Amino acid sequence: DTSSAYYTNLPDWIDADQWLNSFAIAVASGSGDNYAGDNANHNAMFYVRPSDNRVLYFPHDLDYAYDAYRSLVPNNDLNKMIAYAGYERLYYGHMYHLLNTSYNQTYMSYWANHFGQLLAGQDFASYLSFIDQRSQYLLSQLAGRIAPKYAFEITSADATVDSDYAQVSGKAWMDVRDIYLEGVDSPLELQWTSQGSGTSKVFIWTATVPVEPGVNNLVF
């Protein structure tokens, strides 16, 4: 079900951010024969967090059927989740962060060399080559699904409102984690949509923010 009710109710049952981060880790590995990697109906772990009774997903058994060219979105549940622009952008952001911080040849070279000295019988050079192939392929897949990096921007015009709240909209690329209003400690609750497709896709956010009587200078 990809109706609005699905996306409205989903956060009541799972920690969607945690799931999307776990999907990114599992998919980045390139392994198959597991829930995230190739839509297998096994090799996944789930935990109901006692503090809020929401389900967490943990990748499991990522040690088989490696494919450097496995899809960026190889799982039906993941595909359903990212049909909503907010989850799509969040998943891409997790993947982009992973590929640019740890799952790449530059970062992993140190560890491949380190463990290669400890375990001379293991072919860590081939593992490193696979990581490079996989990370480059996933970066190319991301590049084909979203516009090249664009600046954070407020796109809504100045307006006069007759209530204590105003709607503000703007653009944010996949590397923007949260948006804050100056003077407010917690991040804004955002609604996401997208415009365009493929290399022209831009993500649009909308937030409802508190305002005071008179002129308000809102800084994000």
Protein backbone atom coordinates (compact mmCIF):
# COMPACT_ATOMS: atom_id res chain seq x y z
CA ASP A 1 0.00 0.00 0.00
CA THR A 2 1.58 3.29 -1.08
CA SER A 3 -1.38 5.43 -0.03
CA SER A 4 -0.95 8.46 2.19
CA ALA A 5 -2.14 6.32 5.14
CA TYR A 6 0.88 4.04 4.65
CA TYR A 7 3.34 6.92 5.01
CA THR A 8 1.35 8.56 7.81
CA ASN A 9 1.27 5.39 9.91
CA LEU A 10 4.69 3.96 9.08
CA PRO A 11 6.60 6.04 11.69
CA ASP A 12 4.29 4.67 14.40
CA TRP A 13 5.58 1.16 13.72
CA ILE A 14 9.21 1.52 12.64
CA ASP A 15 12.07 3.95 13.06
CA ALA A 16 12.19 4.84 9.36
CA ASP A 17 15.47 6.74 9.64
CA GLN A 18 17.17 3.75 11.27
CA TRP A 19 15.74 1.37 8.66
CA LEU A 20 16.96 3.51 5.78
CA ASN A 21 20.42 3.75 7.30
CA SER A 22 20.49 -0.03 7.74
CA PHE A 23 19.31 -0.51 4.16
CA ALA A 24 22.16 1.73 2.99
CA ILE A 25 24.75 -0.31 4.88
CA ALA A 26 23.44 -3.64 3.60
CA VAL A 27 23.04 -2.47 0.02
CA ALA A 28 26.47 -0.83 -0.04
CA SER A 29 28.07 -4.16 0.84
CA GLY A 30 26.88 -5.61 -2.47
CA SER A 31 25.99 -8.92 -0.85
CA GLY A 32 22.96 -11.00 -1.78
CA ASP A 33 21.00 -13.77 -0.11
CA ASN A 34 19.70 -11.38 2.54
CA TYR A 35 16.62 -9.23 3.09
CA ALA A 36 18.03 -5.92 1.88
CA GLY A 37 20.49 -7.14 -0.72
CA ASP A 38 18.26 -9.08 -3.08
CA ASN A 39 14.79 -9.13 -1.53
CA ALA A 40 15.39 -12.50 0.13
CA ASN A 41 12.84 -13.44 2.76
CA HIS A 42 15.52 -14.24 5.32
CA ASN A 43 18.79 -13.06 6.86
CA ALA A 44 17.54 -10.00 8.72
CA MET A 45 17.19 -9.18 12.41
CA PHE A 46 14.40 -7.11 13.95
CA TYR A 47 14.14 -5.62 17.42
CA VAL A 48 11.21 -3.87 19.08
CA ARG A 49 12.66 -0.92 20.98
CA PRO A 50 11.03 -0.86 24.45
CA SER A 51 11.09 2.93 24.75
CA ASP A 52 8.62 3.49 21.90
CA ASN A 53 7.66 -0.02 20.65
CA ARG A 54 8.95 0.79 17.18
CA VAL A 55 10.71 -1.93 15.18
CA LEU A 56 14.38 -1.58 14.24
CA TYR A 57 16.04 -3.47 11.36
CA PHE A 58 19.59 -4.81 11.52
CA PRO A 59 21.34 -6.32 8.47
CA HIS A 60 22.47 -9.92 8.92
CA ASP A 61 24.63 -12.44 7.05
CA LEU A 62 26.27 -10.05 4.57
CA ASP A 63 28.89 -12.58 3.51
CA TYR A 64 27.69 -14.16 0.28
CA ALA A 65 26.78 -13.52 -3.37
CA TYR A 66 28.67 -10.27 -3.75
CA ASP A 67 27.92 -8.21 -6.84
CA ALA A 68 29.56 -4.82 -7.42
CA TYR A 69 26.73 -3.86 -9.75
CA ARG A 70 23.79 -4.81 -7.56
CA SER A 71 21.00 -2.22 -7.74
CA LEU A 72 20.88 0.84 -5.49
CA VAL A 73 17.31 -0.20 -4.59
CA PRO A 74 17.18 -4.03 -4.64
CA ASN A 75 14.44 -4.50 -2.04
CA ASN A 76 10.66 -4.16 -2.57
CA ASP A 77 10.01 -2.70 0.87
CA LEU A 78 12.75 -0.14 0.37
CA ASN A 79 11.34 0.72 -3.05
CA LYS A 80 7.93 1.25 -1.47
CA MET A 81 9.34 3.44 1.28
CA ILE A 82 11.24 5.76 -1.02
CA ALA A 83 8.21 6.40 -3.19
CA TYR A 84 7.73 9.19 -0.62
CA ALA A 85 10.19 11.99 -1.41
CA GLY A 86 11.19 12.45 2.23
CA TYR A 87 12.31 8.85 2.59
CA GLU A 88 13.88 8.82 -0.86
CA ARG A 89 16.07 11.81 0.00
CA LEU A 90 16.90 10.34 3.42
CA TYR A 91 17.99 7.01 1.93
CA TYR A 92 20.13 8.69 -0.69
CA GLY A 93 21.65 10.87 2.03
CA HIS A 94 22.60 7.87 4.17
CA MET A 95 24.13 6.13 1.16
CA TYR A 96 26.00 9.25 0.03
CA HIS A 97 27.42 9.78 3.53
CA LEU A 98 28.53 6.14 3.80
CA LEU A 99 30.24 6.18 0.41
CA ASN A 100 32.05 9.43 1.10
CA THR A 101 33.23 8.66 4.63
CA SER A 102 34.08 4.98 4.98
CA TYR A 103 32.97 2.67 2.16
CA ASN A 104 35.49 3.79 -0.44
CA GLN A 105 38.99 2.88 -1.60
CA THR A 106 40.73 5.83 0.05
CA TYR A 107 39.44 5.15 3.55
CA MET A 108 39.57 1.36 3.35
CA SER A 109 43.14 1.23 1.99
CA TYR A 110 44.53 1.69 5.49
CA TRP A 111 42.49 -1.22 6.84
CA ALA A 112 43.20 -3.47 3.86
CA ASN A 113 46.94 -2.89 4.34
CA HIS A 114 46.69 -3.29 8.11
CA PHE A 115 44.83 -6.58 8.03
CA GLY A 116 46.89 -7.75 5.06
CA GLN A 117 49.98 -7.60 7.27
CA LEU A 118 48.23 -9.61 9.98
CA LEU A 119 46.65 -12.15 7.64
CA ALA A 120 49.06 -12.57 4.77
CA GLY A 121 47.06 -15.44 3.30
CA GLN A 122 44.01 -13.30 2.63
CA ASP A 123 43.63 -11.39 -0.64
CA PHE A 124 42.75 -7.98 0.79
CA ALA A 125 43.78 -6.28 -2.46
CA SER A 126 40.84 -7.93 -4.24
CA TYR A 127 38.50 -6.90 -1.40
CA LEU A 128 39.68 -3.33 -1.75
CA SER A 129 39.17 -3.47 -5.51
CA PHE A 130 35.60 -4.67 -4.98
CA ILE A 131 34.89 -1.83 -2.53
CA ASP A 132 36.17 0.65 -5.10
CA GLN A 133 34.02 -0.85 -7.87
CA ARG A 134 30.95 -0.99 -5.63
CA SER A 135 31.27 2.52 -4.24
CA GLN A 136 31.88 4.06 -7.66
CA TYR A 137 28.89 2.22 -9.10
CA LEU A 138 26.58 3.37 -6.31
CA LEU A 139 27.78 6.96 -6.65
CA SER A 140 26.95 6.79 -10.34
CA GLN A 141 23.50 5.42 -9.48
CA LEU A 142 22.88 8.28 -7.07
CA ALA A 143 24.04 10.77 -9.69
CA GLY A 144 21.45 9.40 -12.09
CA ARG A 145 18.59 9.83 -9.61
CA ILE A 146 19.05 13.40 -8.36
CA ALA A 147 20.18 16.74 -9.74
CA PRO A 148 23.84 17.70 -9.25
CA LYS A 149 24.51 19.33 -5.90
CA TYR A 150 22.52 22.53 -5.45
CA ALA A 151 22.57 25.08 -2.66
CA PHE A 152 20.18 25.13 0.27
CA GLU A 153 17.61 27.78 -0.56
CA ILE A 154 14.39 29.37 0.69
CA THR A 155 12.03 29.53 -2.28
CA SER A 156 8.81 30.84 -0.73
CA ALA A 157 8.19 34.57 -1.06
CA ASP A 158 7.69 36.99 1.84
CA ALA A 159 4.04 36.87 2.90
CA THR A 160 1.50 38.29 5.31
CA VAL A 161 -0.36 35.74 7.45
CA ASP A 162 -3.29 36.09 9.82
CA SER A 163 -2.26 33.40 12.31
CA ASP A 164 0.57 32.48 14.68
CA TYR A 165 2.19 30.25 12.06
CA ALA A 166 3.52 30.59 8.54
CA GLN A 167 4.52 28.05 5.91
CA VAL A 168 8.01 28.32 4.48
CA SER A 169 9.39 26.24 1.61
CA GLY A 170 12.76 25.71 0.05
CA LYS A 171 15.20 23.34 -1.64
CA ALA A 172 17.73 21.03 0.01
CA TRP A 173 20.11 18.50 -1.50
CA MET A 174 20.55 15.01 -0.05
CA ASP A 175 23.44 16.08 2.21
CA VAL A 176 21.19 18.28 4.38
CA ARG A 177 20.34 16.26 7.48
CA ASP A 178 18.10 18.66 9.45
CA ILE A 179 16.82 22.21 9.14
CA TYR A 180 16.66 24.51 12.15
CA LEU A 181 14.97 27.83 12.74
CA GLU A 182 17.25 30.22 14.60
CA GLY A 183 16.23 30.37 18.26
CA VAL A 184 14.59 26.93 18.24
CA ASP A 185 16.60 24.02 19.66
CA SER A 186 14.88 21.15 17.86
CA PRO A 187 14.88 20.60 14.08
CA LEU A 188 11.81 21.58 12.11
CA GLU A 189 9.21 19.01 11.15
CA LEU A 190 9.33 18.89 7.37
CA GLN A 191 7.14 17.71 4.55
CA TRP A 192 9.00 16.72 1.40
CA THR A 193 8.10 16.64 -2.26
CA SER A 194 10.23 16.51 -5.38
CA GLN A 195 10.26 18.17 -8.77
CA GLY A 196 11.66 16.66 -11.94
CA SER A 197 13.14 13.21 -12.36
CA GLY A 198 16.54 11.63 -12.83
CA THR A 199 19.33 14.17 -13.08
CA SER A 200 16.84 17.04 -12.82
CA LYS A 201 15.18 15.89 -9.57
CA VAL A 202 15.14 18.54 -6.84
CA PHE A 203 13.80 17.95 -3.32
CA ILE A 204 11.44 20.58 -1.88
CA TRP A 205 10.80 20.98 1.84
CA THR A 206 7.94 22.76 3.58
CA ALA A 207 7.81 23.69 7.26
CA THR A 208 5.22 25.39 9.45
CA VAL A 209 7.01 27.87 11.71
CA PRO A 210 5.83 30.09 14.57
CA VAL A 211 5.67 33.84 13.98
CA GLU A 212 5.10 36.88 16.20
CA PRO A 213 2.90 39.90 15.44
CA GLY A 214 4.71 42.36 13.18
CA VAL A 215 7.67 41.74 10.90
CA ASN A 216 9.52 38.44 11.43
CA ASN A 217 13.05 37.90 10.18
CA LEU A 218 13.29 34.11 9.95
CA VAL A 219 16.78 32.63 9.77
CA PHE A 220 17.24 28.94 8.90
